[in-house]
Amino acid sequence: MERMPDYSKYTLEELFDVRDHIDKDKYPEIYDIILSEISKKEAQKPVRMQPVETLSPIEKRILWIRRTYFILILISSALLIISCFLLSSKTDLSFSYESLITVIAYSLVYYGLLRRKPWAINLVLIVSALSIILGMVYIFIPISRVIDLVGKEVNMFFLLFFMFQIYFFRRDEVKKLFMTGNTDII
């Protein structure tokens, strides 16, 4: 009987090589062990910043998306702080709760993209779908001030951003980068 190798002693590159060449239908248990070891080693690996010139086109797009989420976190946090101060005397804090949930969701997406967590793709797809729905509802609300028109223009930009994400994160090469296979729920 053949003894199974100790994959915990393999380097990350060796694990990637085994993962890419193993028949996962014939050896699903070994494939799962390899994915588990890759996840462990990836979690131990420090996040290192690479020069943008060395990134692949897909990694450049992920970097762009991650930076956009960082900006969204800043904007949502500012809106949350402002709404807490302005609405602190009022009883209706639904906008503050919505802003808090938004900040948490965007922060989780940012962290998942930064660390290339497999669950990040599902979260990006869910957040994007919900943001598109909310954005479409906002577009059809009648405007009463000029500032509302500016808000709708900004909303259109973010609708395009979220639509692009649904297209981009469904691609197989992006899933492979995040080691998810075909496990997404959307």
Protein backbone atom coordinates (compact mmCIF):
# COMPACT_ATOMS: atom_id res chain seq x y z
CA MET A 1 0.00 0.00 0.00
CA GLU A 2 1.35 3.39 -0.99
CA ARG A 3 1.96 5.97 1.73
CA MET A 4 0.53 9.47 1.20
CA PRO A 5 3.11 12.29 1.19
CA ASP A 6 3.18 14.84 3.99
CA TYR A 7 1.83 17.87 2.14
CA SER A 8 2.45 20.13 5.15
CA LYS A 9 6.16 20.01 4.30
CA TYR A 10 5.59 21.13 0.69
CA THR A 11 6.28 24.71 -0.35
CA LEU A 12 3.44 26.82 -1.65
CA GLU A 13 4.75 26.53 -5.22
CA GLU A 14 4.90 22.73 -4.91
CA LEU A 15 1.35 22.65 -3.57
CA PHE A 16 0.14 24.78 -6.49
CA ASP A 17 1.87 22.39 -8.87
CA VAL A 18 0.24 19.34 -7.25
CA ARG A 19 -3.15 21.09 -7.23
CA ASP A 20 -2.87 21.92 -10.92
CA HIS A 21 -1.90 18.39 -11.93
CA ILE A 22 -3.99 16.16 -9.66
CA ASP A 23 -7.15 14.47 -10.91
CA LYS A 24 -9.60 15.95 -8.40
CA ASP A 25 -12.39 13.61 -9.49
CA LYS A 26 -10.26 10.53 -8.92
CA TYR A 27 -8.61 11.77 -5.68
CA PRO A 28 -11.06 14.21 -4.05
CA GLU A 29 -9.72 13.63 -0.50
CA ILE A 30 -6.15 14.40 -1.51
CA TYR A 31 -7.34 17.42 -3.50
CA ASP A 32 -9.13 18.75 -0.39
CA ILE A 33 -6.01 18.19 1.71
CA ILE A 34 -3.93 20.10 -0.81
CA LEU A 35 -6.40 23.01 -0.84
CA SER A 36 -6.38 23.02 2.94
CA GLU A 37 -2.58 23.15 3.04
CA ILE A 38 -2.55 25.96 0.47
CA SER A 39 -5.01 27.93 2.61
CA LYS A 40 -2.87 27.41 5.71
CA LYS A 41 0.30 28.53 3.96
CA GLU A 42 -1.46 31.51 2.35
CA ALA A 43 -2.74 32.61 5.77
CA GLN A 44 0.79 32.45 7.19
CA LYS A 45 2.26 34.36 4.27
CA PRO A 46 2.59 38.08 5.00
CA VAL A 47 0.82 40.45 2.65
CA ARG A 48 3.48 41.89 0.46
CA MET A 49 3.08 44.78 -1.87
CA GLN A 50 4.28 44.13 -5.40
CA PRO A 51 5.15 46.85 -7.87
CA VAL A 52 2.14 47.45 -10.10
CA GLU A 53 4.26 46.80 -13.20
CA THR A 54 4.78 43.15 -12.16
CA LEU A 55 1.07 42.41 -11.70
CA SER A 56 -0.96 40.52 -14.28
CA PRO A 57 -3.90 42.35 -15.92
CA ILE A 58 -6.35 40.48 -13.65
CA GLU A 59 -4.35 41.39 -10.54
CA LYS A 60 -4.27 45.03 -11.68
CA ARG A 61 -8.07 45.04 -11.96
CA ILE A 62 -8.39 43.47 -8.51
CA LEU A 63 -6.06 46.16 -7.14
CA TRP A 64 -8.22 48.84 -8.78
CA ILE A 65 -11.38 47.28 -7.33
CA ARG A 66 -9.77 46.97 -3.89
CA ARG A 67 -8.74 50.65 -3.96
CA THR A 68 -12.28 51.61 -4.97
CA TYR A 69 -13.62 49.67 -1.98
CA PHE A 70 -11.20 51.56 0.25
CA ILE A 71 -12.65 54.84 -1.05
CA LEU A 72 -16.17 53.48 -0.52
CA ILE A 73 -15.25 52.60 3.07
CA LEU A 74 -14.02 56.15 3.67
CA ILE A 75 -17.15 57.70 2.13
CA SER A 76 -19.51 55.35 4.00
CA SER A 77 -17.68 55.94 7.28
CA ALA A 78 -17.90 59.69 6.82
CA LEU A 79 -21.63 59.43 6.08
CA LEU A 80 -22.08 57.25 9.15
CA ILE A 81 -20.29 59.73 11.42
CA ILE A 82 -22.16 62.69 9.95
CA SER A 83 -25.51 60.95 10.25
CA CYS A 84 -24.83 59.99 13.86
CA PHE A 85 -24.08 63.60 14.78
CA LEU A 86 -26.95 65.06 12.78
CA LEU A 87 -29.53 62.47 13.77
CA SER A 88 -28.41 61.92 17.36
CA SER A 89 -31.37 63.90 18.67
CA LYS A 90 -33.88 62.21 16.36
CA THR A 91 -35.39 58.78 16.89
CA ASP A 92 -35.08 57.55 13.28
CA LEU A 93 -31.60 56.16 12.87
CA SER A 94 -32.32 53.85 9.92
CA PHE A 95 -29.82 55.72 7.72
CA SER A 96 -27.13 55.20 10.38
CA TYR A 97 -27.85 51.48 10.53
CA GLU A 98 -27.74 51.23 6.74
CA SER A 99 -24.42 53.10 6.70
CA LEU A 100 -22.99 50.84 9.42
CA ILE A 101 -23.97 47.70 7.51
CA THR A 102 -22.47 49.20 4.35
CA VAL A 103 -19.16 50.02 6.10
CA ILE A 104 -18.96 46.48 7.50
CA ALA A 105 -19.78 44.87 4.12
CA TYR A 106 -17.28 47.02 2.22
CA SER A 107 -14.61 46.38 4.87
CA LEU A 108 -15.12 42.62 4.62
CA VAL A 109 -14.89 42.77 0.82
CA TYR A 110 -11.71 44.87 1.06
CA TYR A 111 -10.12 42.42 3.52
CA GLY A 112 -11.16 39.41 1.43
CA LEU A 113 -9.69 40.92 -1.73
CA LEU A 114 -6.51 41.94 0.06
CA ARG A 115 -5.92 38.45 1.48
CA ARG A 116 -7.43 36.66 -1.55
CA LYS A 117 -9.87 34.73 0.56
CA PRO A 118 -12.07 32.29 -1.40
CA TRP A 119 -15.23 33.66 0.24
CA ALA A 120 -14.43 37.15 -1.07
CA ILE A 121 -15.82 36.35 -4.52
CA ASN A 122 -19.20 35.33 -3.11
CA LEU A 123 -19.29 38.42 -0.90
CA VAL A 124 -18.37 40.71 -3.83
CA LEU A 125 -21.17 39.19 -5.92
CA ILE A 126 -23.73 39.56 -3.11
CA VAL A 127 -22.70 43.13 -2.26
CA SER A 128 -22.68 44.06 -5.94
CA ALA A 129 -26.13 42.60 -6.57
CA LEU A 130 -27.62 44.36 -3.55
CA SER A 131 -25.91 47.63 -4.45
CA ILE A 132 -27.29 47.44 -7.99
CA ILE A 133 -30.80 46.86 -6.67
CA LEU A 134 -30.56 49.76 -4.20
CA GLY A 135 -28.96 51.96 -6.86
CA MET A 136 -31.75 51.27 -9.34
CA VAL A 137 -34.36 52.12 -6.71
CA TYR A 138 -32.53 55.39 -6.00
CA ILE A 139 -32.47 56.32 -9.69
CA PHE A 140 -36.26 56.18 -9.93
CA ILE A 141 -36.89 58.41 -6.92
CA PRO A 142 -37.98 61.86 -8.17
CA ILE A 143 -35.49 64.66 -7.53
CA SER A 144 -36.40 67.89 -5.78
CA ARG A 145 -32.99 69.59 -5.53
CA VAL A 146 -29.98 70.05 -7.79
CA ILE A 147 -27.79 68.11 -5.34
CA ASP A 148 -30.03 65.07 -5.91
CA LEU A 149 -29.12 65.20 -9.59
CA VAL A 150 -25.41 65.12 -8.70
CA GLY A 151 -26.14 62.18 -6.38
CA LYS A 152 -27.82 60.31 -9.24
CA GLU A 153 -24.81 60.91 -11.50
CA VAL A 154 -22.45 59.51 -8.85
CA ASN A 155 -24.87 56.62 -8.35
CA MET A 156 -24.66 55.80 -12.07
CA PHE A 157 -20.85 55.51 -11.80
CA PHE A 158 -21.14 53.10 -8.88
CA LEU A 159 -23.83 51.09 -10.69
CA LEU A 160 -21.37 50.55 -13.54
CA PHE A 161 -18.67 49.63 -11.02
CA PHE A 162 -20.87 47.00 -9.36
CA MET A 163 -22.07 45.63 -12.71
CA PHE A 164 -18.44 45.27 -13.83
CA GLN A 165 -17.69 43.33 -10.65
CA ILE A 166 -20.45 40.81 -11.33
CA TYR A 167 -18.96 40.23 -14.78
CA PHE A 168 -15.33 40.20 -13.60
CA PHE A 169 -15.62 37.95 -10.54
CA ARG A 170 -17.56 35.29 -12.45
CA ARG A 171 -14.59 34.65 -14.77
CA ASP A 172 -12.74 31.35 -14.32
CA GLU A 173 -9.27 32.94 -14.25
CA VAL A 174 -10.35 35.17 -11.35
CA LYS A 175 -11.82 32.20 -9.49
CA LYS A 176 -8.56 30.33 -10.00
CA LEU A 177 -6.64 33.27 -8.53
CA PHE A 178 -8.82 33.01 -5.42
CA MET A 179 -8.72 29.17 -5.48
CA THR A 180 -12.49 28.83 -5.44
CA GLY A 181 -13.20 26.59 -8.38
CA ASN A 182 -16.93 26.72 -9.11
CA THR A 183 -18.23 27.11 -5.57
CA ASP A 184 -19.83 30.52 -5.89
CA ILE A 185 -23.45 30.81 -4.88
CA ILE A 186 -24.59 33.43 -7.39
